[in-house]
Each structure stands twice: as C-alpha cells, then as structure tokens.
N, C-alpha and C. Protein backbone atom coordinates (compact mmCIF):
# COMPACT_ATOMS: atom_id res chain seq x y z
N UNK A 1 146.88 201.68 241.70
CA UNK A 1 147.04 201.49 239.64
C UNK A 1 145.88 201.83 239.47
N UNK A 2 145.83 202.66 238.37
CA UNK A 2 145.09 203.08 237.49
C UNK A 2 144.37 201.75 236.41
N UNK A 3 143.47 201.26 237.31
CA UNK A 3 143.00 199.93 236.21
C UNK A 3 141.16 200.29 235.38
N UNK A 4 140.37 199.63 234.52
CA UNK A 4 139.60 199.50 234.09
C UNK A 4 138.26 199.47 234.46
N UNK A 5 138.25 199.23 235.55
CA UNK A 5 137.15 199.13 236.41
C UNK A 5 137.32 200.75 237.15
N UNK A 6 138.36 201.12 237.75
CA UNK A 6 138.78 202.96 238.14
C UNK A 6 138.08 203.66 236.72
N UNK A 7 138.27 203.06 235.75
CA UNK A 7 137.86 204.04 234.36
C UNK A 7 136.08 203.79 234.43
N UNK A 8 135.20 202.65 234.68
CA UNK A 8 134.44 202.67 235.05
C UNK A 8 133.80 203.23 235.92
N UNK A 9 134.20 202.90 237.44
CA UNK A 9 133.08 203.72 238.18
C UNK A 9 133.48 205.61 238.29
N UNK A 10 134.65 205.91 236.61
CA UNK A 10 134.84 207.49 236.86
C UNK A 10 133.65 207.88 236.08
N UNK A 11 133.17 206.66 235.05
CA UNK A 11 131.84 207.04 234.33
C UNK A 11 130.96 206.92 234.88
N UNK A 12 130.79 206.58 235.79
CA UNK A 12 129.53 206.01 236.54
C UNK A 12 129.72 207.26 237.55
N UNK A 13 130.14 207.66 237.86
CA UNK A 13 129.99 209.48 238.92
C UNK A 13 129.89 210.51 238.17
N UNK A 14 130.14 209.90 236.58
CA UNK A 14 129.84 211.37 235.96
C UNK A 14 128.68 211.28 235.65
N UNK A 15 128.11 210.20 235.65
CA UNK A 15 126.40 210.17 235.08
C UNK A 15 126.13 209.97 236.13
N UNK A 16 125.75 209.46 237.25
CA UNK A 16 125.23 209.88 238.82
C UNK A 16 125.29 211.61 238.70
N UNK A 17 126.03 212.16 238.50
CA UNK A 17 126.02 213.95 238.16
C UNK A 17 124.76 214.38 237.37
N UNK A 18 124.79 213.30 236.31
CA UNK A 18 123.66 214.35 235.15
C UNK A 18 122.22 213.48 235.34
N UNK A 19 122.19 212.48 236.55
CA UNK A 19 120.74 212.00 236.05
C UNK A 19 119.93 212.86 237.06
N UNK A 20 118.32 213.26 236.03
CA UNK A 20 117.37 213.91 236.87
C UNK A 20 117.33 213.40 238.38
N UNK A 21 116.29 214.77 239.16
CA UNK A 21 116.61 214.16 240.46
C UNK A 21 115.26 213.56 241.12
N UNK A 22 114.63 213.50 239.57
CA UNK A 22 112.90 212.09 239.74
C UNK A 22 113.46 211.66 238.51
N UNK A 23 113.98 210.09 239.08
CA UNK A 23 114.12 209.16 238.19
C UNK A 23 112.61 208.85 237.39
N UNK A 24 112.57 208.47 236.74
CA UNK A 24 111.67 207.67 235.17
C UNK A 24 112.06 206.14 235.45
N UNK A 25 110.94 205.26 235.40
CA UNK A 25 111.23 203.70 235.29
C UNK A 25 111.44 203.96 234.12
N UNK A 26 112.97 202.66 233.67
CA UNK A 26 112.80 202.70 232.49
C UNK A 26 112.03 202.33 231.27
N UNK A 27 111.66 202.48 230.14
CA UNK A 27 111.09 202.27 229.18
C UNK A 27 110.96 200.54 229.39
N UNK A 28 110.20 200.48 228.01
CA UNK A 28 110.52 199.22 227.12
C UNK A 28 111.09 199.06 226.12
N UNK A 29 111.61 199.87 225.70
CA UNK A 29 111.94 200.54 224.24
C UNK A 29 113.67 200.84 225.13
N UNK A 30 114.11 201.63 226.13
CA UNK A 30 115.37 201.08 226.97
C UNK A 30 115.69 200.36 227.30
N UNK A 31 115.09 199.16 227.83
CA UNK A 31 115.45 197.93 228.06
C UNK A 31 115.77 197.15 226.59
N UNK A 32 114.64 197.53 225.50
CA UNK A 32 115.43 196.37 224.34
C UNK A 32 116.95 197.01 223.73
N UNK A 33 116.82 198.07 223.61
CA UNK A 33 117.73 198.92 223.20
C UNK A 33 118.98 198.61 224.09
N UNK A 34 119.12 198.46 225.84
CA UNK A 34 119.90 198.08 226.24
C UNK A 34 120.77 196.74 226.03
N UNK A 35 119.44 195.78 225.27
CA UNK A 35 119.53 194.34 225.27
C UNK A 35 120.52 194.21 223.29
N UNK A 36 120.12 194.99 222.78
CA UNK A 36 120.77 194.85 221.58
C UNK A 36 122.21 195.82 221.61
N UNK A 37 122.30 196.13 221.99
CA UNK A 37 123.88 196.85 222.70
C UNK A 37 124.68 196.25 223.21
N UNK A 38 123.84 195.41 224.22
CA UNK A 38 124.97 194.20 224.95
C UNK A 38 125.14 193.31 224.53
N UNK A 39 124.42 192.74 223.25
CA UNK A 39 124.44 191.63 222.61
C UNK A 39 125.61 191.90 221.31
N UNK A 40 125.22 193.41 220.63
CA UNK A 40 126.14 193.76 219.96
C UNK A 40 127.53 194.30 220.51
N UNK A 41 127.87 194.18 221.38
CA UNK A 41 129.08 193.88 222.06
C UNK A 41 129.72 192.57 222.48
N UNK A 42 128.53 191.64 223.30
CA UNK A 42 129.13 190.31 223.01
C UNK A 42 129.54 189.87 221.47
N UNK A 43 128.89 189.48 220.76
CA UNK A 43 129.31 189.52 219.17
C UNK A 43 130.49 190.19 218.55
N UNK A 44 130.84 191.95 218.63
CA UNK A 44 132.03 192.58 218.17
C UNK A 44 133.20 192.35 218.90
N UNK A 45 133.33 192.54 220.10
CA UNK A 45 134.34 192.74 221.05
C UNK A 45 134.94 191.35 220.90
N UNK A 46 134.45 190.08 220.56
CA UNK A 46 135.55 189.31 220.73
C UNK A 46 136.27 189.47 219.71
N UNK A 47 135.74 189.85 218.56
CA UNK A 47 136.23 189.86 216.98
C UNK A 47 137.36 190.53 217.21
N UNK A 48 136.93 192.11 217.33
CA UNK A 48 138.42 193.25 217.30
C UNK A 48 139.32 192.91 218.02
N UNK A 49 139.22 192.05 219.38
CA UNK A 49 140.35 191.63 220.19
C UNK A 49 141.23 190.57 219.80
N UNK A 50 140.16 189.84 219.33
CA UNK A 50 141.04 187.84 218.45
C UNK A 50 141.24 188.70 217.13
N UNK A 51 141.07 190.03 216.78
CA UNK A 51 141.37 190.31 215.08
C UNK A 51 142.79 191.62 215.56
N UNK A 52 143.14 191.73 217.00
CA UNK A 52 144.41 192.21 217.16
C UNK A 52 144.24 193.93 217.02
N UNK A 53 142.57 194.14 216.86
CA UNK A 53 142.56 195.65 216.72
C UNK A 53 142.51 196.33 218.28
N UNK A 54 142.14 195.61 219.17
CA UNK A 54 142.11 195.84 220.35
C UNK A 54 142.84 194.88 221.05
N UNK A 55 143.73 195.32 222.09
CA UNK A 55 144.05 194.50 223.62
C UNK A 55 144.23 195.61 224.36
N UNK A 56 143.85 194.35 225.38
CA UNK A 56 143.49 194.67 226.84
C UNK A 56 144.98 194.13 227.79
N UNK A 57 145.17 195.38 228.60
CA UNK A 57 146.65 194.70 229.97
C UNK A 57 146.05 193.90 230.78
N UNK A 58 146.74 192.54 230.94
CA UNK A 58 146.42 191.85 231.37
C UNK A 58 145.53 192.12 233.06
N UNK A 59 146.93 192.46 233.63
CA UNK A 59 146.65 193.43 234.69
C UNK A 59 146.57 194.42 235.19
N UNK A 60 145.56 194.98 234.14
CA UNK A 60 144.86 196.50 233.89
C UNK A 60 143.01 195.80 234.27
N UNK A 61 142.61 194.34 233.81
CA UNK A 61 141.12 194.25 234.09
C UNK A 61 141.01 193.06 235.21
N UNK A 62 139.90 193.27 235.20
CA UNK A 62 139.48 191.96 236.37
C UNK A 62 139.83 190.65 236.25
N UNK A 63 139.93 190.00 234.88
CA UNK A 63 139.96 189.03 234.37
C UNK A 63 138.66 188.15 234.17
N UNK A 64 137.53 188.72 234.29
CA UNK A 64 136.71 187.81 233.77
C UNK A 64 136.20 188.44 232.59
N UNK A 65 135.98 187.32 231.55
CA UNK A 65 135.43 187.38 229.86
C UNK A 65 134.79 186.83 229.96
N UNK A 66 133.87 187.25 228.93
CA UNK A 66 132.59 186.59 228.12
C UNK A 66 133.02 186.86 227.05
N UNK A 67 133.19 185.09 226.44
CA UNK A 67 133.77 185.44 224.69
C UNK A 67 135.05 185.91 224.63
N UNK A 68 135.56 185.86 225.48
CA UNK A 68 137.19 186.79 225.40
C UNK A 68 137.12 187.82 225.18
N UNK A 69 136.10 188.79 225.60
CA UNK A 69 135.61 189.99 225.90
C UNK A 69 135.90 190.63 227.34
N UNK A 70 136.54 191.00 227.90
CA UNK A 70 136.78 191.53 229.22
C UNK A 70 135.13 192.04 229.40
N UNK A 71 134.99 191.83 230.85
CA UNK A 71 133.59 192.56 231.55
C UNK A 71 133.29 193.65 231.24
N UNK A 72 134.53 194.18 231.34
CA UNK A 72 134.46 195.87 231.72
C UNK A 72 134.54 196.52 230.03
N UNK A 73 134.11 196.07 229.37
CA UNK A 73 133.91 196.45 227.98
C UNK A 73 132.42 196.62 228.41
N UNK A 74 131.28 195.59 228.97
CA UNK A 74 130.33 195.65 228.80
C UNK A 74 129.96 197.03 229.49
N UNK A 75 130.41 197.67 230.33
CA UNK A 75 129.75 199.09 231.23
C UNK A 75 129.85 199.96 230.07
N UNK A 76 130.44 199.96 228.88
CA UNK A 76 130.72 200.87 228.16
C UNK A 76 129.59 200.93 227.60
N UNK A 77 128.50 199.72 227.33
CA UNK A 77 127.76 199.74 226.50
C UNK A 77 126.64 200.31 227.56
N UNK A 78 126.63 200.12 228.79
CA UNK A 78 125.35 200.68 229.60
C UNK A 78 125.60 201.75 229.85
N UNK A 79 126.45 202.32 230.02
CA UNK A 79 127.01 204.09 230.04
C UNK A 79 126.40 204.15 228.90
N UNK A 80 126.81 204.22 227.66
CA UNK A 80 126.14 204.44 225.99
C UNK A 80 124.41 204.50 226.01
N UNK A 81 123.83 203.55 226.79
CA UNK A 81 122.32 203.08 227.14
C UNK A 81 121.93 204.34 227.67
N UNK A 82 122.45 204.33 228.65
CA UNK A 82 122.15 205.62 229.83
C UNK A 82 122.34 206.93 229.33
N UNK A 83 123.48 207.46 229.28
CA UNK A 83 123.86 208.77 228.99
C UNK A 83 123.43 209.38 227.23
N UNK A 84 123.12 208.53 226.70
CA UNK A 84 122.56 209.19 225.21
C UNK A 84 121.01 209.77 226.01
N UNK A 85 120.30 209.34 226.03
CA UNK A 85 119.19 210.06 226.70
C UNK A 85 119.56 210.89 227.51
N UNK A 86 119.79 211.29 228.46
CA UNK A 86 120.60 212.16 229.35
C UNK A 86 120.91 213.55 228.12
N UNK A 87 121.61 213.09 227.81
CA UNK A 87 122.28 214.36 226.86
C UNK A 87 121.32 215.06 225.95
N UNK A 88 120.43 213.68 225.06
CA UNK A 88 118.94 214.65 224.45
C UNK A 88 118.28 215.07 225.35
N UNK A 89 117.84 214.57 226.71
CA UNK A 89 117.27 215.46 227.63
C UNK A 89 117.69 217.43 227.81
N UNK A 90 119.11 217.20 228.02
CA UNK A 90 120.07 218.43 228.07
C UNK A 90 120.05 219.48 227.07
N UNK A 91 120.77 218.65 225.59
CA UNK A 91 121.10 219.11 225.30
C UNK A 91 120.11 218.99 223.50
N UNK A 92 118.78 218.33 223.43
CA UNK A 92 117.53 218.05 222.16
C UNK A 92 116.87 219.27 222.26
N UNK A 93 116.07 219.27 221.60
CA UNK A 93 115.32 219.98 221.31
C UNK A 93 114.38 220.86 222.59
N UNK A 94 113.57 221.71 222.75
CA UNK A 94 112.88 222.18 223.78
C UNK A 94 111.60 222.10 223.40
N UNK A 95 110.78 221.42 223.59
CA UNK A 95 108.77 221.57 223.74
C UNK A 95 108.54 222.04 224.64
N UNK A 96 109.00 223.12 225.05
CA UNK A 96 107.76 223.71 226.36
C UNK A 96 106.73 224.84 225.68
C-alpha cells in the first residue's frame, strides 16, 4: 500500500540524486533555518489539521504524532531546507 512514508522515501531518493559528490558540512545558518522551519511546522501543522484544512488517512501514516501533526509532515520541512540550497546551486546565478 502507498503510504506517506513511501512518499518520503521517494523524496529522499530524489534528494540524494541531486546532492553534490563532495558534501560540505552544514553551516550554522543551515541548522538555524532547519530549527525555524521545524518549529513552524510544529506550530502550524496541528492548527491546520485541527481546523480541518488538511487531514490524513490513519491507515497511511505511521501513527506517530507531535501535537497532532503526523511525524511524516516533519520530513517535508527537512526536505525543503535541503532542497532549496541544491536548487539554488544548480539554477542560481553563476559566479565563475
């Protein structure tokens, strides 16, 4: 059965495909951005779920929730923080 964790694994595989061969250690700014995005996810996801804007089929999630938000939602925040710098690296302005 297709679940949200499978969707997360697909995202992870695409992310790995675009990661540069030589990885740099994440900067302090990257860690701070991750913390902010995860905090915003922790605050706003339960609100939009409680308001009925978004809902999840209980058969398709792991069942682990943080303040009402499925743990799978936090993967998307992590992917955003990883993917945006990669997109910028490949498609942003070149400074050669």
